């Protein structure tokens, strides 16, 4: 089976992508191919995903996949957006990122606490691919709860209330969450493109 590199070392993402692309590609991580990270200097989720995919492909010589995702809060003019994973300063400090978001939302009224998750997934056949496949999706509008029962985990804010299911995203089953999530939707769309 042809290998493809995912511009990530996140074991959960690797497993998720391997499940979705089973029979099409074998997904390997950056560490499997000794690929070094590149600064995310884009201004959009798509730009950052493309930067990471091209870098992974260039260093590994393989086709590459990358995703960039985060939460966009209306009352904060789109923050934290592309900075979701490093909102408080240190990349991956989920507790600090969550607390900063809650602090900035402290005086925002219930009716104005709307937000969406966005995800961009990019596929490149090679580092200089002039026609990358770009999928951009969102999880429909939800609300930021007043207090967080748990912290932000792997770009999923657990206190994100999903009105269509009348519960927080943390309370959804993995099957339902994957079917409606920003990344789940993007993966399904990508899979259709790759099969075509």
N, C-alpha and C. Protein backbone atom coordinates (compact mmCIF):
# COMPACT_ATOMS: atom_id res chain seq x y z
N UNK A 1 0.84 -1.18 0.00
CA UNK A 1 0.00 0.00 0.00
C UNK A 1 0.89 1.24 0.00
N UNK A 2 0.49 2.25 -0.75
CA UNK A 2 1.27 3.47 -0.85
C UNK A 2 1.25 4.23 0.47
N UNK A 3 2.41 4.74 0.85
CA UNK A 3 2.51 5.51 2.08
C UNK A 3 2.20 6.98 1.83
N UNK A 4 1.65 7.60 2.87
CA UNK A 4 1.42 9.03 2.86
C UNK A 4 1.81 9.55 4.23
N UNK A 5 2.42 10.72 4.28
CA UNK A 5 2.82 11.27 5.57
C UNK A 5 1.78 12.27 6.05
N UNK A 6 1.43 12.17 7.31
CA UNK A 6 0.57 13.16 7.95
C UNK A 6 1.49 14.11 8.69
N UNK A 7 1.34 15.40 8.45
CA UNK A 7 2.22 16.40 9.06
C UNK A 7 1.85 16.58 10.54
N UNK A 8 2.08 15.51 11.29
CA UNK A 8 1.74 15.50 12.71
C UNK A 8 2.45 14.33 13.37
N UNK A 9 2.61 14.41 14.68
CA UNK A 9 3.09 13.27 15.47
C UNK A 9 2.02 12.83 16.46
N UNK A 10 0.82 13.38 16.34
CA UNK A 10 -0.27 13.06 17.25
C UNK A 10 -0.78 11.65 16.96
N UNK A 11 -0.62 10.74 17.91
CA UNK A 11 -0.99 9.34 17.69
C UNK A 11 -2.48 9.17 17.41
N UNK A 12 -3.31 9.99 18.07
CA UNK A 12 -4.74 9.92 17.84
C UNK A 12 -5.11 10.29 16.41
N UNK A 13 -4.48 11.36 15.91
CA UNK A 13 -4.74 11.78 14.53
C UNK A 13 -4.25 10.73 13.54
N UNK A 14 -3.07 10.16 13.80
CA UNK A 14 -2.52 9.14 12.91
C UNK A 14 -3.50 7.97 12.81
N UNK A 15 -4.01 7.52 13.97
CA UNK A 15 -4.96 6.40 13.98
C UNK A 15 -6.25 6.77 13.25
N UNK A 16 -6.74 7.99 13.47
CA UNK A 16 -7.98 8.45 12.83
C UNK A 16 -7.82 8.49 11.31
N UNK A 17 -6.71 9.05 10.84
CA UNK A 17 -6.48 9.14 9.40
C UNK A 17 -6.25 7.75 8.79
N UNK A 18 -5.55 6.87 9.53
CA UNK A 18 -5.33 5.51 9.02
C UNK A 18 -6.65 4.76 8.86
N UNK A 19 -7.55 4.95 9.82
CA UNK A 19 -8.87 4.31 9.73
C UNK A 19 -9.63 4.81 8.51
N UNK A 20 -9.63 6.14 8.32
CA UNK A 20 -10.38 6.73 7.21
C UNK A 20 -9.78 6.38 5.85
N UNK A 21 -8.46 6.27 5.78
CA UNK A 21 -7.79 6.05 4.48
C UNK A 21 -7.39 4.59 4.26
N UNK A 22 -7.92 3.70 5.10
CA UNK A 22 -7.60 2.28 5.00
C UNK A 22 -7.92 1.76 3.59
N UNK A 23 -6.95 1.10 2.99
CA UNK A 23 -7.14 0.58 1.64
C UNK A 23 -6.69 1.53 0.55
N UNK A 24 -6.42 2.79 0.93
CA UNK A 24 -5.96 3.78 -0.05
C UNK A 24 -4.50 4.15 0.21
N UNK A 25 -4.22 4.51 1.46
CA UNK A 25 -2.87 4.88 1.88
C UNK A 25 -2.58 4.30 3.26
N UNK A 26 -1.29 4.07 3.51
CA UNK A 26 -0.82 3.80 4.87
C UNK A 26 -0.28 5.12 5.40
N UNK A 27 -0.85 5.62 6.48
CA UNK A 27 -0.48 6.92 7.01
C UNK A 27 0.68 6.77 8.00
N UNK A 28 1.75 7.53 7.76
CA UNK A 28 2.90 7.54 8.67
C UNK A 28 3.04 8.94 9.26
N UNK A 29 3.73 9.01 10.39
CA UNK A 29 3.89 10.29 11.10
C UNK A 29 5.19 10.98 10.70
N UNK A 30 5.33 12.22 11.13
CA UNK A 30 6.56 12.97 10.89
C UNK A 30 7.74 12.29 11.56
N UNK A 31 7.55 11.79 12.77
CA UNK A 31 8.66 11.14 13.48
C UNK A 31 9.07 9.84 12.79
N UNK A 32 8.12 9.14 12.16
CA UNK A 32 8.46 7.93 11.40
C UNK A 32 9.45 8.23 10.28
N UNK A 33 9.36 9.44 9.72
CA UNK A 33 10.18 9.82 8.58
C UNK A 33 11.24 10.87 8.94
N UNK A 34 11.45 11.12 10.23
CA UNK A 34 12.41 12.11 10.71
C UNK A 34 12.19 13.49 10.09
N UNK A 35 10.94 13.90 10.00
CA UNK A 35 10.59 15.21 9.45
C UNK A 35 10.55 16.24 10.57
N UNK A 36 11.21 17.36 10.35
CA UNK A 36 11.22 18.43 11.33
C UNK A 36 10.05 19.38 11.08
N UNK A 37 9.52 19.94 12.17
CA UNK A 37 8.41 20.88 12.05
C UNK A 37 8.86 22.17 11.40
N UNK A 38 7.88 22.89 10.85
CA UNK A 38 8.13 24.17 10.21
C UNK A 38 7.23 25.20 10.90
N UNK A 39 7.68 26.45 11.01
CA UNK A 39 6.81 27.47 11.63
C UNK A 39 5.52 27.67 10.84
N UNK A 40 4.42 27.80 11.58
CA UNK A 40 3.12 28.05 10.96
C UNK A 40 2.95 29.56 10.80
N UNK A 41 3.33 30.07 9.65
CA UNK A 41 3.36 31.52 9.42
C UNK A 41 2.16 32.02 8.62
N UNK A 42 1.22 31.13 8.29
CA UNK A 42 0.05 31.53 7.52
C UNK A 42 -0.91 32.36 8.36
N UNK A 43 -1.85 33.00 7.68
CA UNK A 43 -2.86 33.81 8.35
C UNK A 43 -4.23 33.13 8.37
N UNK A 44 -4.31 31.94 7.75
CA UNK A 44 -5.56 31.19 7.72
C UNK A 44 -5.27 29.72 8.01
N UNK A 45 -6.33 28.97 8.32
CA UNK A 45 -6.18 27.53 8.54
C UNK A 45 -5.65 26.86 7.27
N UNK A 46 -6.14 27.27 6.11
CA UNK A 46 -5.71 26.68 4.84
C UNK A 46 -4.23 26.94 4.60
N UNK A 47 -3.79 28.19 4.81
CA UNK A 47 -2.38 28.52 4.58
C UNK A 47 -1.47 27.69 5.49
N UNK A 48 -1.82 27.57 6.76
CA UNK A 48 -0.98 26.79 7.68
C UNK A 48 -0.97 25.31 7.31
N UNK A 49 -2.12 24.76 6.93
CA UNK A 49 -2.16 23.36 6.53
C UNK A 49 -1.30 23.12 5.29
N UNK A 50 -1.33 24.05 4.35
CA UNK A 50 -0.53 23.92 3.13
C UNK A 50 0.96 24.01 3.43
N UNK A 51 1.34 24.93 4.30
CA UNK A 51 2.75 25.05 4.71
C UNK A 51 3.24 23.74 5.30
N UNK A 52 2.45 23.16 6.20
CA UNK A 52 2.86 21.93 6.88
C UNK A 52 2.90 20.75 5.91
N UNK A 53 1.92 20.66 5.00
CA UNK A 53 1.89 19.55 4.05
C UNK A 53 3.09 19.61 3.10
N UNK A 54 3.38 20.79 2.57
CA UNK A 54 4.52 20.93 1.65
C UNK A 54 5.84 20.59 2.35
N UNK A 55 5.98 21.04 3.59
CA UNK A 55 7.19 20.75 4.36
C UNK A 55 7.35 19.25 4.57
N UNK A 56 6.28 18.57 4.99
CA UNK A 56 6.35 17.13 5.25
C UNK A 56 6.67 16.36 3.97
N UNK A 57 6.08 16.78 2.85
CA UNK A 57 6.34 16.11 1.58
C UNK A 57 7.77 16.33 1.12
N UNK A 58 8.24 17.56 1.26
CA UNK A 58 9.61 17.87 0.83
C UNK A 58 10.64 17.07 1.61
N UNK A 59 10.47 16.98 2.92
CA UNK A 59 11.46 16.27 3.74
C UNK A 59 11.36 14.75 3.64
N UNK A 60 10.16 14.23 3.36
CA UNK A 60 9.97 12.78 3.33
C UNK A 60 10.00 12.19 1.93
N UNK A 61 9.69 13.01 0.92
CA UNK A 61 9.58 12.51 -0.44
C UNK A 61 8.26 11.77 -0.69
N UNK A 62 7.32 11.86 0.24
CA UNK A 62 6.03 11.18 0.13
C UNK A 62 4.91 12.19 -0.14
N UNK A 63 3.78 11.72 -0.68
CA UNK A 63 2.59 12.56 -0.67
C UNK A 63 2.29 12.92 0.79
N UNK A 64 1.66 14.06 1.00
CA UNK A 64 1.46 14.50 2.39
C UNK A 64 0.06 15.03 2.63
N UNK A 65 -0.36 14.85 3.85
CA UNK A 65 -1.62 15.38 4.36
C UNK A 65 -1.31 16.25 5.55
N UNK A 66 -2.10 17.30 5.70
CA UNK A 66 -1.96 18.13 6.88
C UNK A 66 -3.32 18.72 7.22
N UNK A 67 -3.53 18.99 8.50
CA UNK A 67 -4.74 19.69 8.88
C UNK A 67 -4.37 20.82 9.82
N UNK A 68 -5.19 21.83 9.82
CA UNK A 68 -5.05 22.91 10.79
C UNK A 68 -6.46 23.25 11.22
N UNK A 69 -6.65 23.36 12.52
CA UNK A 69 -8.01 23.58 13.01
C UNK A 69 -7.98 24.42 14.27
N UNK A 70 -9.14 24.94 14.60
CA UNK A 70 -9.26 25.75 15.81
C UNK A 70 -10.67 26.27 15.96
N UNK A 71 -10.85 27.06 16.98
CA UNK A 71 -12.16 27.61 17.27
C UNK A 71 -12.17 29.10 16.97
N UNK A 72 -13.27 29.56 16.40
CA UNK A 72 -13.45 30.96 16.02
C UNK A 72 -14.63 31.48 16.84
N UNK A 73 -14.36 32.47 17.69
CA UNK A 73 -15.39 33.00 18.59
C UNK A 73 -15.85 34.36 18.06
N UNK A 74 -17.14 34.48 17.81
CA UNK A 74 -17.68 35.70 17.21
C UNK A 74 -17.41 36.94 18.05
N UNK A 75 -17.64 36.85 19.36
CA UNK A 75 -17.50 38.02 20.24
C UNK A 75 -16.05 38.48 20.35
N UNK A 76 -15.11 37.62 19.96
CA UNK A 76 -13.68 37.97 20.03
C UNK A 76 -13.11 38.23 18.64
N UNK A 77 -13.98 38.57 17.69
CA UNK A 77 -13.54 38.86 16.32
C UNK A 77 -12.73 37.72 15.71
N UNK A 78 -13.16 36.50 16.01
CA UNK A 78 -12.52 35.33 15.41
C UNK A 78 -11.41 34.69 16.23
N UNK A 79 -11.04 35.30 17.36
CA UNK A 79 -10.03 34.65 18.20
C UNK A 79 -10.63 33.38 18.81
N UNK A 80 -9.78 32.43 19.19
CA UNK A 80 -8.34 32.37 18.95
C UNK A 80 -7.95 31.93 17.55
N UNK A 81 -8.90 31.39 16.77
CA UNK A 81 -8.63 31.07 15.38
C UNK A 81 -7.41 30.19 15.17
N UNK A 82 -6.53 30.62 14.27
CA UNK A 82 -5.33 29.81 13.95
C UNK A 82 -4.38 29.70 15.13
N UNK A 83 -4.60 30.50 16.17
CA UNK A 83 -3.73 30.45 17.35
C UNK A 83 -4.33 29.60 18.47
N UNK A 84 -5.36 28.81 18.19
CA UNK A 84 -6.07 28.05 19.22
C UNK A 84 -5.14 27.20 20.08
N UNK A 85 -4.17 26.53 19.47
CA UNK A 85 -3.27 25.64 20.21
C UNK A 85 -2.19 26.39 20.98
N UNK A 86 -2.01 27.69 20.67
CA UNK A 86 -0.95 28.46 21.34
C UNK A 86 -1.49 29.82 21.81
N UNK A 87 -2.77 29.86 22.10
CA UNK A 87 -3.46 31.11 22.45
C UNK A 87 -2.85 31.80 23.65
N UNK A 88 -2.45 31.04 24.65
CA UNK A 88 -1.89 31.62 25.87
C UNK A 88 -0.37 31.80 25.80
N UNK A 89 0.22 31.40 24.69
CA UNK A 89 1.67 31.62 24.53
C UNK A 89 2.46 30.36 24.24
N UNK A 90 2.19 29.28 24.98
CA UNK A 90 2.94 28.05 24.78
C UNK A 90 2.10 27.04 24.00
N UNK A 91 2.64 26.50 22.93
CA UNK A 91 1.91 25.55 22.09
C UNK A 91 1.52 24.32 22.91
N UNK A 92 0.25 23.98 22.85
CA UNK A 92 -0.22 22.76 23.50
C UNK A 92 -0.56 22.88 24.97
N UNK A 93 -0.49 24.09 25.53
CA UNK A 93 -0.85 24.26 26.94
C UNK A 93 -2.37 24.42 27.02
N UNK A 94 -3.06 23.29 26.97
CA UNK A 94 -4.52 23.28 26.87
C UNK A 94 -5.20 24.02 28.02
N UNK A 95 -4.71 23.81 29.21
CA UNK A 95 -5.33 24.45 30.37
C UNK A 95 -5.21 25.97 30.30
N UNK A 96 -4.02 26.47 29.96
CA UNK A 96 -3.81 27.91 29.86
C UNK A 96 -4.61 28.51 28.70
N UNK A 97 -4.68 27.79 27.57
CA UNK A 97 -5.45 28.27 26.43
C UNK A 97 -6.93 28.40 26.78
N UNK A 98 -7.44 27.38 27.45
CA UNK A 98 -8.84 27.39 27.87
C UNK A 98 -9.12 28.52 28.84
N UNK A 99 -8.23 28.69 29.81
CA UNK A 99 -8.44 29.74 30.82
C UNK A 99 -8.40 31.12 30.20
N UNK A 100 -7.50 31.34 29.25
CA UNK A 100 -7.44 32.64 28.60
C UNK A 100 -8.73 32.93 27.85
N UNK A 101 -9.24 31.92 27.14
CA UNK A 101 -10.48 32.10 26.41
C UNK A 101 -11.64 32.41 27.36
N UNK A 102 -11.73 31.66 28.44
CA UNK A 102 -12.81 31.90 29.41
C UNK A 102 -12.68 33.28 30.04
N UNK A 103 -11.45 33.70 30.34
CA UNK A 103 -11.23 35.03 30.92
C UNK A 103 -11.69 36.13 29.96
N UNK A 104 -11.36 35.98 28.67
CA UNK A 104 -11.75 36.99 27.70
C UNK A 104 -13.25 37.01 27.45
N UNK A 105 -13.91 35.89 27.74
CA UNK A 105 -15.36 35.77 27.53
C UNK A 105 -16.15 36.10 28.80
N UNK A 106 -15.47 36.44 29.87
CA UNK A 106 -16.11 36.59 31.18
C UNK A 106 -17.32 37.53 31.17
N UNK A 107 -17.21 38.65 30.48
CA UNK A 107 -18.30 39.63 30.48
C UNK A 107 -19.20 39.55 29.25
N UNK A 108 -19.06 38.48 28.48
CA UNK A 108 -19.88 38.32 27.29
C UNK A 108 -21.19 37.63 27.67
N UNK A 109 -22.32 38.25 27.31
CA UNK A 109 -23.64 37.72 27.65
C UNK A 109 -23.90 36.38 26.96
N UNK A 110 -24.78 35.59 27.56
CA UNK A 110 -25.08 34.25 27.04
C UNK A 110 -25.45 34.26 25.56
N UNK A 111 -26.26 35.18 25.10
CA UNK A 111 -26.71 35.21 23.72
C UNK A 111 -25.64 35.60 22.72
N UNK A 112 -24.48 36.02 23.21
CA UNK A 112 -23.41 36.48 22.32
C UNK A 112 -22.16 35.60 22.41
N UNK A 113 -22.30 34.39 22.92
CA UNK A 113 -21.15 33.52 23.14
C UNK A 113 -21.01 32.48 22.02
N UNK A 114 -21.42 32.83 20.81
CA UNK A 114 -21.39 31.88 19.70
C UNK A 114 -19.98 31.66 19.17
N UNK A 115 -19.76 30.46 18.68
CA UNK A 115 -18.44 30.07 18.15
C UNK A 115 -18.61 28.91 17.18
N UNK A 116 -17.56 28.67 16.40
CA UNK A 116 -17.53 27.54 15.47
C UNK A 116 -16.13 26.94 15.46
N UNK A 117 -16.07 25.64 15.25
CA UNK A 117 -14.79 25.00 14.99
C UNK A 117 -14.58 24.96 13.48
N UNK A 118 -13.35 25.25 13.05
CA UNK A 118 -12.99 25.19 11.63
C UNK A 118 -11.85 24.20 11.46
N UNK A 119 -11.83 23.53 10.31
CA UNK A 119 -10.74 22.62 9.99
C UNK A 119 -10.42 22.72 8.51
N UNK A 120 -9.15 22.83 8.20
CA UNK A 120 -8.68 22.76 6.81
C UNK A 120 -7.78 21.54 6.70
N UNK A 121 -8.04 20.72 5.70
CA UNK A 121 -7.19 19.57 5.40
C UNK A 121 -6.64 19.76 3.99
N UNK A 122 -5.33 19.54 3.86
CA UNK A 122 -4.66 19.71 2.57
C UNK A 122 -3.94 18.41 2.21
N UNK A 123 -4.04 18.04 0.94
CA UNK A 123 -3.31 16.90 0.39
C UNK A 123 -2.44 17.39 -0.75
N UNK A 124 -1.15 17.05 -0.72
CA UNK A 124 -0.25 17.34 -1.84
C UNK A 124 0.39 16.05 -2.31
N UNK A 125 0.46 15.88 -3.62
CA UNK A 125 1.09 14.69 -4.20
C UNK A 125 2.61 14.77 -4.04
N UNK A 126 3.14 16.00 -4.08
CA UNK A 126 4.57 16.25 -3.87
C UNK A 126 4.72 17.68 -3.36
N UNK A 127 5.91 18.04 -2.94
CA UNK A 127 6.11 19.33 -2.27
C UNK A 127 5.73 20.53 -3.13
N UNK A 128 5.90 20.43 -4.44
CA UNK A 128 5.59 21.56 -5.32
C UNK A 128 4.29 21.38 -6.09
N UNK A 129 3.42 20.53 -5.58
CA UNK A 129 2.14 20.24 -6.23
C UNK A 129 1.37 21.54 -6.49
N UNK A 130 1.10 21.88 -7.78
CA UNK A 130 0.39 23.12 -8.08
C UNK A 130 -1.13 23.00 -7.91
N UNK A 131 -1.61 21.76 -7.69
CA UNK A 131 -3.05 21.56 -7.55
C UNK A 131 -3.37 20.75 -6.30
N UNK A 132 -3.05 21.29 -5.12
CA UNK A 132 -3.35 20.56 -3.89
C UNK A 132 -4.85 20.40 -3.70
N UNK A 133 -5.24 19.32 -3.05
CA UNK A 133 -6.64 19.17 -2.66
C UNK A 133 -6.80 19.91 -1.34
N UNK A 134 -7.75 20.83 -1.29
CA UNK A 134 -7.97 21.64 -0.09
C UNK A 134 -9.43 21.49 0.33
N UNK A 135 -9.62 21.03 1.55
CA UNK A 135 -10.96 20.87 2.12
C UNK A 135 -11.05 21.76 3.35
N UNK A 136 -12.09 22.58 3.42
CA UNK A 136 -12.29 23.45 4.58
C UNK A 136 -13.72 23.25 5.08
N UNK A 137 -13.85 22.89 6.35
CA UNK A 137 -15.17 22.61 6.92
C UNK A 137 -15.30 23.25 8.29
N UNK A 138 -16.54 23.27 8.76
CA UNK A 138 -16.77 23.79 10.11
C UNK A 138 -17.82 22.95 10.81
N UNK A 139 -17.72 22.93 12.13
CA UNK A 139 -18.77 22.39 12.97
C UNK A 139 -19.73 23.54 13.20
N UNK A 140 -21.01 23.33 12.92
CA UNK A 140 -22.00 24.40 13.01
C UNK A 140 -21.93 25.18 14.31
N UNK A 141 -22.60 26.29 14.33
CA UNK A 141 -22.51 27.22 15.44
C UNK A 141 -22.90 26.57 16.76
N UNK A 142 -22.08 26.84 17.76
CA UNK A 142 -22.35 26.40 19.13
C UNK A 142 -22.09 27.58 20.04
N UNK A 143 -22.02 27.31 21.32
CA UNK A 143 -21.82 28.37 22.31
C UNK A 143 -20.73 27.99 23.29
N UNK A 144 -20.01 29.00 23.76
CA UNK A 144 -19.01 28.78 24.79
C UNK A 144 -19.72 28.85 26.15
N UNK A 145 -19.63 27.76 26.90
CA UNK A 145 -20.27 27.72 28.22
C UNK A 145 -19.57 28.71 29.16
N UNK A 146 -20.26 29.09 30.22
CA UNK A 146 -19.69 30.07 31.17
C UNK A 146 -18.47 29.52 31.89
N UNK A 147 -18.49 28.23 32.21
CA UNK A 147 -17.36 27.62 32.92
C UNK A 147 -16.99 26.32 32.23
N UNK A 148 -15.72 25.99 32.32
CA UNK A 148 -15.23 24.77 31.70
C UNK A 148 -15.14 23.64 32.72
N UNK A 149 -15.90 22.54 32.53
CA UNK A 149 -15.77 21.41 33.44
C UNK A 149 -14.46 20.67 33.25
N UNK A 150 -13.92 20.72 32.05
CA UNK A 150 -12.63 20.12 31.73
C UNK A 150 -11.90 21.04 30.77
N UNK A 151 -10.67 20.69 30.46
CA UNK A 151 -9.85 21.60 29.65
C UNK A 151 -9.92 21.28 28.17
N UNK A 152 -9.38 22.17 27.37
CA UNK A 152 -9.29 21.98 25.94
C UNK A 152 -8.38 20.78 25.67
N UNK A 153 -8.84 19.86 24.84
CA UNK A 153 -8.05 18.67 24.55
C UNK A 153 -7.95 18.49 23.04
N UNK A 154 -6.75 18.54 22.52
CA UNK A 154 -6.48 18.29 21.11
C UNK A 154 -7.44 19.03 20.19
N UNK A 155 -7.52 20.32 20.40
CA UNK A 155 -8.31 21.22 19.56
C UNK A 155 -9.81 21.00 19.68
N UNK A 156 -10.25 20.22 20.66
CA UNK A 156 -11.68 20.07 20.90
C UNK A 156 -11.99 20.73 22.23
N UNK A 157 -12.72 21.82 22.20
CA UNK A 157 -13.05 22.48 23.44
C UNK A 157 -14.26 21.79 24.05
N UNK A 158 -14.04 21.17 25.19
CA UNK A 158 -15.07 20.33 25.78
C UNK A 158 -16.26 21.12 26.32
N UNK A 159 -16.11 22.42 26.47
CA UNK A 159 -17.24 23.20 26.95
C UNK A 159 -17.96 23.89 25.80
N UNK A 160 -17.78 23.36 24.60
CA UNK A 160 -18.47 23.85 23.41
C UNK A 160 -19.85 23.20 23.38
N UNK A 161 -20.89 23.99 23.54
CA UNK A 161 -22.26 23.48 23.60
C UNK A 161 -22.82 23.37 22.18
N UNK A 162 -23.33 22.19 21.83
CA UNK A 162 -23.86 21.92 20.50
C UNK A 162 -25.39 21.93 20.57
N UNK A 163 -26.02 23.04 20.16
CA UNK A 163 -27.47 23.16 20.30
C UNK A 163 -28.26 22.06 19.58
N UNK A 164 -27.78 21.60 18.42
CA UNK A 164 -28.52 20.59 17.67
C UNK A 164 -28.65 19.27 18.43
N UNK A 165 -27.72 19.02 19.36
CA UNK A 165 -27.76 17.79 20.15
C UNK A 165 -28.03 18.07 21.63
N UNK A 166 -28.22 19.35 21.96
CA UNK A 166 -28.56 19.79 23.32
C UNK A 166 -27.61 19.25 24.39
N UNK A 167 -26.31 19.31 24.07
CA UNK A 167 -25.31 18.88 25.04
C UNK A 167 -23.95 19.46 24.65
N UNK A 168 -22.99 19.33 25.56
CA UNK A 168 -21.62 19.74 25.26
C UNK A 168 -20.98 18.70 24.36
N UNK A 169 -19.98 19.11 23.59
CA UNK A 169 -19.33 18.17 22.67
C UNK A 169 -18.72 16.99 23.42
N UNK A 170 -18.31 17.20 24.67
CA UNK A 170 -17.73 16.12 25.46
C UNK A 170 -18.73 15.01 25.74
N UNK A 171 -20.02 15.33 25.67
CA UNK A 171 -21.05 14.34 25.98
C UNK A 171 -21.50 13.54 24.77
N UNK A 172 -21.04 13.90 23.58
CA UNK A 172 -21.40 13.17 22.38
C UNK A 172 -20.63 11.87 22.29
N UNK A 173 -21.24 10.85 21.71
CA UNK A 173 -20.52 9.60 21.49
C UNK A 173 -19.46 9.86 20.42
N UNK A 174 -18.38 9.06 20.41
CA UNK A 174 -17.35 9.26 19.39
C UNK A 174 -17.90 9.18 17.97
N UNK A 175 -18.88 8.28 17.73
CA UNK A 175 -19.45 8.14 16.39
C UNK A 175 -20.18 9.40 15.96
N UNK A 176 -21.00 9.96 16.87
CA UNK A 176 -21.74 11.18 16.54
C UNK A 176 -20.78 12.35 16.39
N UNK A 177 -19.83 12.45 17.31
CA UNK A 177 -18.88 13.57 17.26
C UNK A 177 -18.10 13.54 15.94
N UNK A 178 -17.65 12.36 15.52
CA UNK A 178 -16.89 12.25 14.28
C UNK A 178 -17.76 12.57 13.06
N UNK A 179 -19.05 12.27 13.15
CA UNK A 179 -19.92 12.52 12.00
C UNK A 179 -20.27 13.99 11.83
N UNK A 180 -20.22 14.76 12.93
CA UNK A 180 -20.58 16.18 12.82
C UNK A 180 -19.41 17.12 13.02
N UNK A 181 -18.26 16.59 13.46
CA UNK A 181 -17.13 17.46 13.79
C UNK A 181 -16.51 18.08 12.55
N UNK A 182 -15.79 19.17 12.77
CA UNK A 182 -15.10 19.85 11.69
C UNK A 182 -14.10 18.93 11.01
N UNK A 183 -13.32 18.17 11.78
CA UNK A 183 -12.32 17.29 11.18
C UNK A 183 -12.98 16.08 10.52
N UNK A 184 -14.01 15.53 11.16
CA UNK A 184 -14.72 14.38 10.58
C UNK A 184 -15.31 14.71 9.23
N UNK A 185 -15.95 15.88 9.12
CA UNK A 185 -16.52 16.30 7.85
C UNK A 185 -15.43 16.48 6.79
N UNK A 186 -14.32 17.08 7.19
CA UNK A 186 -13.22 17.31 6.24
C UNK A 186 -12.63 15.99 5.76
N UNK A 187 -12.49 15.02 6.66
CA UNK A 187 -11.93 13.72 6.28
C UNK A 187 -12.84 12.99 5.29
N UNK A 188 -14.14 13.06 5.52
CA UNK A 188 -15.08 12.41 4.60
C UNK A 188 -14.97 13.05 3.21
N UNK A 189 -14.93 14.39 3.16
CA UNK A 189 -14.81 15.09 1.88
C UNK A 189 -13.48 14.76 1.20
N UNK A 190 -12.40 14.69 1.98
CA UNK A 190 -11.10 14.35 1.41
C UNK A 190 -11.11 12.95 0.84
N UNK A 191 -11.71 12.02 1.56
CA UNK A 191 -11.78 10.64 1.11
C UNK A 191 -12.48 10.54 -0.24
N UNK A 192 -13.55 11.29 -0.42
CA UNK A 192 -14.25 11.30 -1.70
C UNK A 192 -13.35 11.83 -2.82
N UNK A 193 -12.59 12.89 -2.52
CA UNK A 193 -11.67 13.44 -3.52
C UNK A 193 -10.58 12.44 -3.89
N UNK A 194 -10.03 11.76 -2.89
CA UNK A 194 -8.95 10.80 -3.17
C UNK A 194 -9.46 9.61 -3.96
N UNK A 195 -10.68 9.16 -3.66
CA UNK A 195 -11.24 8.04 -4.41
C UNK A 195 -11.50 8.44 -5.86
N UNK A 196 -11.87 9.71 -6.06
CA UNK A 196 -12.15 10.19 -7.43
C UNK A 196 -10.86 10.25 -8.24
